Amino acid sequence: PHEATQPPAPKTPAAKPRKHTDKEKIEKL
């Protein structure tokens, strides 16, 4: 009932998960 009185929050697009290769992972580590 409390949420019904509040305006809905604006939806933001979720960040796309980036796929890292094993080589990139090792380099970043």
PDB file of all heavy atoms in Angstrom:
ATOM      1  N   PRO A   1       0.806  -1.214   0.000  1.00  0.00           N
ATOM      2  CA  PRO A   1       0.000   0.000   0.000  1.00  0.00           C
ATOM      3  C   PRO A   1       0.845   1.273   0.000  1.00  0.00           C
ATOM      4  O   PRO A   1       0.458   2.291  -0.542  1.00  0.00           O
ATOM      5  CB  PRO A   1      -0.815  -0.101   1.283  1.00  0.00           C
ATOM      6  CG  PRO A   1      -0.789  -1.525   1.654  1.00  0.00           C
ATOM      7  CD  PRO A   1       0.448  -2.104   1.077  1.00  0.00           C
ATOM      8  N   HIS A   2       2.038   1.229   0.599  1.00  0.00           N
ATOM      9  CA  HIS A   2       2.904   2.408   0.653  1.00  0.00           C
ATOM     10  C   HIS A   2       3.499   2.709  -0.713  1.00  0.00           C
ATOM     11  O   HIS A   2       3.696   3.857  -1.075  1.00  0.00           O
ATOM     12  CB  HIS A   2       4.026   2.194   1.667  1.00  0.00           C
ATOM     13  CG  HIS A   2       3.498   1.954   3.058  1.00  0.00           C
ATOM     14  ND1 HIS A   2       2.902   2.929   3.794  1.00  0.00           N
ATOM     15  CD2 HIS A   2       3.472   0.832   3.816  1.00  0.00           C
ATOM     16  CE1 HIS A   2       2.525   2.418   4.971  1.00  0.00           C
ATOM     17  NE2 HIS A   2       2.874   1.146   4.991  1.00  0.00           N
ATOM     18  N   GLU A   3       3.813   1.644  -1.466  1.00  0.00           N
ATOM     19  CA  GLU A   3       4.422   1.838  -2.772  1.00  0.00           C
ATOM     20  C   GLU A   3       3.417   2.387  -3.767  1.00  0.00           C
ATOM     21  O   GLU A   3       3.777   3.056  -4.714  1.00  0.00           O
ATOM     22  CB  GLU A   3       4.984   0.516  -3.296  1.00  0.00           C
ATOM     23  CG  GLU A   3       6.177   0.028  -2.521  1.00  0.00           C
ATOM     24  CD  GLU A   3       6.638  -1.340  -2.988  1.00  0.00           C
ATOM     25  OE1 GLU A   3       5.948  -1.951  -3.823  1.00  0.00           O
ATOM     26  OE2 GLU A   3       7.670  -1.792  -2.508  1.00  0.00           O
ATOM     27  N   ALA A   4       2.133   2.065  -3.552  1.00  0.00           N
ATOM     28  CA  ALA A   4       1.112   2.500  -4.500  1.00  0.00           C
ATOM     29  C   ALA A   4       0.965   4.016  -4.493  1.00  0.00           C
ATOM     30  O   ALA A   4       0.614   4.610  -5.500  1.00  0.00           O
ATOM     31  CB  ALA A   4      -0.215   1.837  -4.177  1.00  0.00           C
ATOM     32  N   THR A   5       1.242   4.681  -3.369  1.00  0.00           N
ATOM     33  CA  THR A   5       1.088   6.137  -3.279  1.00  0.00           C
ATOM     34  C   THR A   5       2.282   6.872  -3.853  1.00  0.00           C
ATOM     35  O   THR A   5       2.179   8.024  -4.222  1.00  0.00           O
ATOM     36  CB  THR A   5       0.885   6.569  -1.817  1.00  0.00           C
ATOM     37  OG1 THR A   5       2.008   6.142  -1.063  1.00  0.00           O
ATOM     38  CG2 THR A   5      -0.389   5.974  -1.258  1.00  0.00           C
ATOM     39  N   GLN A   6       3.450   6.216  -3.930  1.00  0.00           N
ATOM     40  CA  GLN A   6       4.649   6.868  -4.431  1.00  0.00           C
ATOM     41  C   GLN A   6       4.718   6.705  -5.946  1.00  0.00           C
ATOM     42  O   GLN A   6       4.332   5.672  -6.487  1.00  0.00           O
ATOM     43  CB  GLN A   6       5.890   6.249  -3.807  1.00  0.00           C
ATOM     44  CG  GLN A   6       5.964   6.453  -2.317  1.00  0.00           C
ATOM     45  CD  GLN A   6       7.181   5.748  -1.732  1.00  0.00           C
ATOM     46  OE1 GLN A   6       7.860   5.026  -2.425  1.00  0.00           O
ATOM     47  NE2 GLN A   6       7.419   5.966  -0.460  1.00  0.00           N
ATOM     48  N   PRO A   7       5.249   7.696  -6.632  1.00  0.00           N
ATOM     49  CA  PRO A   7       5.393   7.543  -8.086  1.00  0.00           C
ATOM     50  C   PRO A   7       6.480   6.523  -8.384  1.00  0.00           C
ATOM     51  O   PRO A   7       7.447   6.389  -7.629  1.00  0.00           O
ATOM     52  CB  PRO A   7       5.799   8.942  -8.550  1.00  0.00           C
ATOM     53  CG  PRO A   7       6.394   9.593  -7.359  1.00  0.00           C
ATOM     54  CD  PRO A   7       5.698   8.992  -6.168  1.00  0.00           C
ATOM     55  N   PRO A   8       6.342   5.784  -9.453  1.00  0.00           N
ATOM     56  CA  PRO A   8       7.353   4.776  -9.766  1.00  0.00           C
ATOM     57  C   PRO A   8       8.682   5.442 -10.126  1.00  0.00           C
ATOM     58  O   PRO A   8       8.717   6.525 -10.711  1.00  0.00           O
ATOM     59  CB  PRO A   8       6.770   4.037 -10.973  1.00  0.00           C
ATOM     60  CG  PRO A   8       5.760   4.970 -11.560  1.00  0.00           C
ATOM     61  CD  PRO A   8       5.264   5.818 -10.422  1.00  0.00           C
ATOM     62  N   ALA A   9       9.768   4.773  -9.745  1.00  0.00           N
ATOM     63  CA  ALA A   9      11.106   5.300 -10.013  1.00  0.00           C
ATOM     64  C   ALA A   9      11.394   5.178 -11.502  1.00  0.00           C
ATOM     65  O   ALA A   9      10.985   4.205 -12.136  1.00  0.00           O
ATOM     66  CB  ALA A   9      12.141   4.516  -9.221  1.00  0.00           C
ATOM     67  N   PRO A  10      12.090   6.157 -12.065  1.00  0.00           N
ATOM     68  CA  PRO A  10      12.400   6.060 -13.487  1.00  0.00           C
ATOM     69  C   PRO A  10      13.346   4.893 -13.732  1.00  0.00           C
ATOM     70  O   PRO A  10      14.286   4.667 -12.970  1.00  0.00           O
ATOM     71  CB  PRO A  10      13.072   7.395 -13.809  1.00  0.00           C
ATOM     72  CG  PRO A  10      13.559   7.909 -12.504  1.00  0.00           C
ATOM     73  CD  PRO A  10      12.628   7.355 -11.467  1.00  0.00           C
ATOM     74  N   LYS A  11      13.089   4.145 -14.781  1.00  0.00           N
ATOM     75  CA  LYS A  11      13.910   2.977 -15.079  1.00  0.00           C
ATOM     76  C   LYS A  11      15.148   3.407 -15.839  1.00  0.00           C
ATOM     77  O   LYS A  11      15.068   4.150 -16.812  1.00  0.00           O
ATOM     78  CB  LYS A  11      13.122   1.965 -15.904  1.00  0.00           C
ATOM     79  CG  LYS A  11      11.998   1.336 -15.145  1.00  0.00           C
ATOM     80  CD  LYS A  11      11.338   0.261 -15.965  1.00  0.00           C
ATOM     81  CE  LYS A  11      10.229  -0.392 -15.169  1.00  0.00           C
ATOM     82  NZ  LYS A  11       9.579  -1.456 -15.930  1.00  0.00           N
ATOM     83  N   THR A  12      16.302   2.942 -15.351  1.00  0.00           N
ATOM     84  CA  THR A  12      17.546   3.228 -16.044  1.00  0.00           C
ATOM     85  C   THR A  12      17.997   1.935 -16.693  1.00  0.00           C
ATOM     86  O   THR A  12      17.851   0.851 -16.108  1.00  0.00           O
ATOM     87  CB  THR A  12      18.631   3.718 -15.061  1.00  0.00           C
ATOM     88  OG1 THR A  12      18.799   2.737 -14.046  1.00  0.00           O
ATOM     89  CG2 THR A  12      18.247   5.035 -14.447  1.00  0.00           C
ATOM     90  N   PRO A  13      18.539   2.008 -17.858  1.00  0.00           N
ATOM     91  CA  PRO A  13      18.981   0.764 -18.498  1.00  0.00           C
ATOM     92  C   PRO A  13      20.149   0.178 -17.724  1.00  0.00           C
ATOM     93  O   PRO A  13      21.064   0.889 -17.314  1.00  0.00           O
ATOM     94  CB  PRO A  13      19.403   1.197 -19.907  1.00  0.00           C
ATOM     95  CG  PRO A  13      19.653   2.669 -19.804  1.00  0.00           C
ATOM     96  CD  PRO A  13      18.773   3.172 -18.686  1.00  0.00           C
ATOM     97  N   ALA A  14      20.090  -1.129 -17.492  1.00  0.00           N
ATOM     98  CA  ALA A  14      21.154  -1.814 -16.753  1.00  0.00           C
ATOM     99  C   ALA A  14      22.391  -1.891 -17.631  1.00  0.00           C
ATOM    100  O   ALA A  14      22.307  -1.973 -18.848  1.00  0.00           O
ATOM    101  CB  ALA A  14      20.698  -3.210 -16.358  1.00  0.00           C
ATOM    102  N   ALA A  15      23.547  -1.856 -16.980  1.00  0.00           N
ATOM    103  CA  ALA A  15      24.795  -1.940 -17.718  1.00  0.00           C
ATOM    104  C   ALA A  15      24.914  -3.327 -18.336  1.00  0.00           C
ATOM    105  O   ALA A  15      24.587  -4.326 -17.704  1.00  0.00           O
ATOM    106  CB  ALA A  15      25.968  -1.688 -16.785  1.00  0.00           C
ATOM    107  N   LYS A  16      25.383  -3.363 -19.574  1.00  0.00           N
ATOM    108  CA  LYS A  16      25.544  -4.636 -20.251  1.00  0.00           C
ATOM    109  C   LYS A  16      26.739  -5.355 -19.663  1.00  0.00           C
ATOM    110  O   LYS A  16      27.812  -4.760 -19.504  1.00  0.00           O
ATOM    111  CB  LYS A  16      25.808  -4.407 -21.738  1.00  0.00           C
ATOM    112  CG  LYS A  16      24.630  -4.560 -22.617  1.00  0.00           C
ATOM    113  CD  LYS A  16      25.080  -4.512 -24.061  1.00  0.00           C
ATOM    114  CE  LYS A  16      23.977  -4.930 -24.972  1.00  0.00           C
ATOM    115  NZ  LYS A  16      24.384  -4.833 -26.369  1.00  0.00           N
ATOM    116  N   PRO A  17      26.592  -6.617 -19.313  1.00  0.00           N
ATOM    117  CA  PRO A  17      27.757  -7.339 -18.807  1.00  0.00           C
ATOM    118  C   PRO A  17      28.754  -7.556 -19.950  1.00  0.00           C
ATOM    119  O   PRO A  17      28.380  -7.973 -21.034  1.00  0.00           O
ATOM    120  CB  PRO A  17      27.184  -8.659 -18.306  1.00  0.00           C
ATOM    121  CG  PRO A  17      25.876  -8.806 -18.991  1.00  0.00           C
ATOM    122  CD  PRO A  17      25.395  -7.435 -19.303  1.00  0.00           C
ATOM    123  N   ARG A  18      29.999  -7.229 -19.682  1.00  0.00           N
ATOM    124  CA  ARG A  18      31.031  -7.369 -20.697  1.00  0.00           C
ATOM    125  C   ARG A  18      31.745  -8.687 -20.495  1.00  0.00           C
ATOM    126  O   ARG A  18      32.133  -9.030 -19.374  1.00  0.00           O
ATOM    127  CB  ARG A  18      32.022  -6.223 -20.588  1.00  0.00           C
ATOM    128  CG  ARG A  18      33.114  -6.334 -21.619  1.00  0.00           C
ATOM    129  CD  ARG A  18      33.861  -5.049 -21.788  1.00  0.00           C
ATOM    130  NE  ARG A  18      34.846  -5.296 -22.822  1.00  0.00           N
ATOM    131  CZ  ARG A  18      36.114  -4.992 -22.701  1.00  0.00           C
ATOM    132  NH1 ARG A  18      36.544  -4.425 -21.615  1.00  0.00           N
ATOM    133  NH2 ARG A  18      36.956  -5.256 -23.672  1.00  0.00           N
ATOM    134  N   LYS A  19      31.931  -9.402 -21.539  1.00  0.00           N
ATOM    135  CA  LYS A  19      32.647 -10.670 -21.475  1.00  0.00           C
ATOM    136  C   LYS A  19      34.124 -10.412 -21.717  1.00  0.00           C
ATOM    137  O   LYS A  19      34.513  -9.892 -22.760  1.00  0.00           O
ATOM    138  CB  LYS A  19      32.114 -11.647 -22.527  1.00  0.00           C
ATOM    139  CG  LYS A  19      30.652 -11.975 -22.375  1.00  0.00           C
ATOM    140  CD  LYS A  19      30.427 -12.838 -21.168  1.00  0.00           C
ATOM    141  CE  LYS A  19      28.963 -13.203 -21.061  1.00  0.00           C
ATOM    142  NZ  LYS A  19      28.656 -13.996 -19.927  1.00  0.00           N
ATOM    143  N   HIS A  20      34.945 -10.756 -20.752  1.00  0.00           N
ATOM    144  CA  HIS A  20      36.383 -10.604 -20.871  1.00  0.00           C
ATOM    145  C   HIS A  20      36.977 -11.956 -21.245  1.00  0.00           C
ATOM    146  O   HIS A  20      36.561 -12.994 -20.726  1.00  0.00           O
ATOM    147  CB  HIS A  20      37.003 -10.135 -19.547  1.00  0.00           C
ATOM    148  CG  HIS A  20      36.565  -8.768 -19.137  1.00  0.00           C
ATOM    149  ND1 HIS A  20      37.164  -7.631 -19.608  1.00  0.00           N
ATOM    150  CD2 HIS A  20      35.587  -8.352 -18.305  1.00  0.00           C
ATOM    151  CE1 HIS A  20      36.582  -6.567 -19.072  1.00  0.00           C
ATOM    152  NE2 HIS A  20      35.609  -6.983 -18.281  1.00  0.00           N
ATOM    153  N   THR A  21      37.975 -11.938 -22.079  1.00  0.00           N
ATOM    154  CA  THR A  21      38.669 -13.175 -22.416  1.00  0.00           C
ATOM    155  C   THR A  21      39.607 -13.536 -21.266  1.00  0.00           C
ATOM    156  O   THR A  21      39.919 -12.699 -20.400  1.00  0.00           O
ATOM    157  CB  THR A  21      39.479 -13.021 -23.714  1.00  0.00           C
ATOM    158  OG1 THR A  21      40.496 -12.030 -23.507  1.00  0.00           O
ATOM    159  CG2 THR A  21      38.586 -12.630 -24.881  1.00  0.00           C
ATOM    160  N   ASP A  22      40.064 -14.770 -21.267  1.00  0.00           N
ATOM    161  CA  ASP A  22      40.978 -15.200 -20.208  1.00  0.00           C
ATOM    162  C   ASP A  22      42.273 -14.379 -20.231  1.00  0.00           C
ATOM    163  O   ASP A  22      42.830 -14.058 -19.180  1.00  0.00           O
ATOM    164  CB  ASP A  22      41.309 -16.687 -20.371  1.00  0.00           C
ATOM    165  CG  ASP A  22      40.111 -17.578 -20.066  1.00  0.00           C
ATOM    166  OD1 ASP A  22      39.200 -17.101 -19.346  1.00  0.00           O
ATOM    167  OD2 ASP A  22      40.096 -18.733 -20.539  1.00  0.00           O
ATOM    168  N   LYS A  23      42.706 -14.043 -21.423  1.00  0.00           N
ATOM    169  CA  LYS A  23      43.935 -13.256 -21.542  1.00  0.00           C
ATOM    170  C   LYS A  23      43.744 -11.867 -20.930  1.00  0.00           C
ATOM    171  O   LYS A  23      44.615 -11.374 -20.198  1.00  0.00           O
ATOM    172  CB  LYS A  23      44.310 -13.137 -23.025  1.00  0.00           C
ATOM    173  CG  LYS A  23      45.661 -12.529 -23.269  1.00  0.00           C
ATOM    174  CD  LYS A  23      46.003 -12.567 -24.750  1.00  0.00           C
ATOM    175  CE  LYS A  23      47.375 -11.960 -24.983  1.00  0.00           C
ATOM    176  NZ  LYS A  23      47.741 -11.972 -26.415  1.00  0.00           N
ATOM    177  N   GLU A  24      42.597 -11.233 -21.219  1.00  0.00           N
ATOM    178  CA  GLU A  24      42.314  -9.917 -20.643  1.00  0.00           C
ATOM    179  C   GLU A  24      42.243  -9.989 -19.119  1.00  0.00           C
ATOM    180  O   GLU A  24      42.726  -9.102 -18.420  1.00  0.00           O
ATOM    181  CB  GLU A  24      40.990  -9.371 -21.188  1.00  0.00           C
ATOM    182  CG  GLU A  24      41.037  -8.938 -22.631  1.00  0.00           C
ATOM    183  CD  GLU A  24      39.672  -8.509 -23.144  1.00  0.00           C
ATOM    184  OE1 GLU A  24      38.646  -8.955 -22.583  1.00  0.00           O
ATOM    185  OE2 GLU A  24      39.632  -7.721 -24.096  1.00  0.00           O
ATOM    186  N   LYS A  25      41.613 -11.043 -18.619  1.00  0.00           N
ATOM    187  CA  LYS A  25      41.495 -11.203 -17.165  1.00  0.00           C
ATOM    188  C   LYS A  25      42.868 -11.293 -16.519  1.00  0.00           C
ATOM    189  O   LYS A  25      43.150 -10.618 -15.519  1.00  0.00           O
ATOM    190  CB  LYS A  25      40.684 -12.459 -16.833  1.00  0.00           C
ATOM    191  CG  LYS A  25      39.221 -12.361 -17.174  1.00  0.00           C
ATOM    192  CD  LYS A  25      38.517 -13.662 -16.868  1.00  0.00           C
ATOM    193  CE  LYS A  25      37.066 -13.631 -17.302  1.00  0.00           C
ATOM    194  NZ  LYS A  25      36.381 -14.898 -17.011  1.00  0.00           N
ATOM    195  N   ILE A  26      43.729 -12.116 -17.095  1.00  0.00           N
ATOM    196  CA  ILE A  26      45.077 -12.292 -16.528  1.00  0.00           C
ATOM    197  C   ILE A  26      45.856 -10.987 -16.598  1.00  0.00           C
ATOM    198  O   ILE A  26      46.555 -10.618 -15.646  1.00  0.00           O
ATOM    199  CB  ILE A  26      45.812 -13.434 -17.264  1.00  0.00           C
ATOM    200  CG1 ILE A  26      45.122 -14.773 -16.942  1.00  0.00           C
ATOM    201  CG2 ILE A  26      47.277 -13.482 -16.881  1.00  0.00           C
ATOM    202  CD1 ILE A  26      45.601 -15.933 -17.777  1.00  0.00           C
ATOM    203  N   GLU A  27      45.732 -10.271 -17.722  1.00  0.00           N
ATOM    204  CA  GLU A  27      46.434  -8.998 -17.857  1.00  0.00           C
ATOM    205  C   GLU A  27      45.954  -7.989 -16.819  1.00  0.00           C
ATOM    206  O   GLU A  27      46.761  -7.286 -16.201  1.00  0.00           O
ATOM    207  CB  GLU A  27      46.229  -8.430 -19.266  1.00  0.00           C
ATOM    208  CG  GLU A  27      46.990  -9.175 -20.338  1.00  0.00           C
ATOM    209  CD  GLU A  27      46.674  -8.679 -21.741  1.00  0.00           C
ATOM    210  OE1 GLU A  27      45.900  -7.714 -21.874  1.00  0.00           O
ATOM    211  OE2 GLU A  27      47.208  -9.264 -22.690  1.00  0.00           O
ATOM    212  N   LYS A  28      44.644  -7.928 -16.604  1.00  0.00           N
ATOM    213  CA  LYS A  28      44.115  -6.987 -15.611  1.00  0.00           C
ATOM    214  C   LYS A  28      44.545  -7.376 -14.198  1.00  0.00           C
ATOM    215  O   LYS A  28      44.867  -6.515 -13.380  1.00  0.00           O
ATOM    216  CB  LYS A  28      42.588  -6.902 -15.705  1.00  0.00           C
ATOM    217  CG  LYS A  28      42.133  -6.098 -16.899  1.00  0.00           C
ATOM    218  CD  LYS A  28      40.678  -5.744 -16.826  1.00  0.00           C
ATOM    219  CE  LYS A  28      40.297  -4.881 -18.007  1.00  0.00           C
ATOM    220  NZ  LYS A  28      39.012  -4.237 -17.878  1.00  0.00           N
ATOM    221  N   LEU A  29      44.552  -8.673 -13.907  1.00  0.00           N
ATOM    222  CA  LEU A  29      44.996  -9.127 -12.578  1.00  0.00           C
ATOM    223  C   LEU A  29      46.451  -8.742 -12.342  1.00  0.00           C
ATOM    224  O   LEU A  29      46.814  -8.261 -11.258  1.00  0.00           O
ATOM    225  CB  LEU A  29      44.806 -10.634 -12.434  1.00  0.00           C
ATOM    226  CG  LEU A  29      43.381 -11.139 -12.285  1.00  0.00           C
ATOM    227  CD1 LEU A  29      43.339 -12.667 -12.320  1.00  0.00           C
ATOM    228  CD2 LEU A  29      42.759 -10.638 -10.998  1.00  0.00           C
TER     229      LEU A  29
END
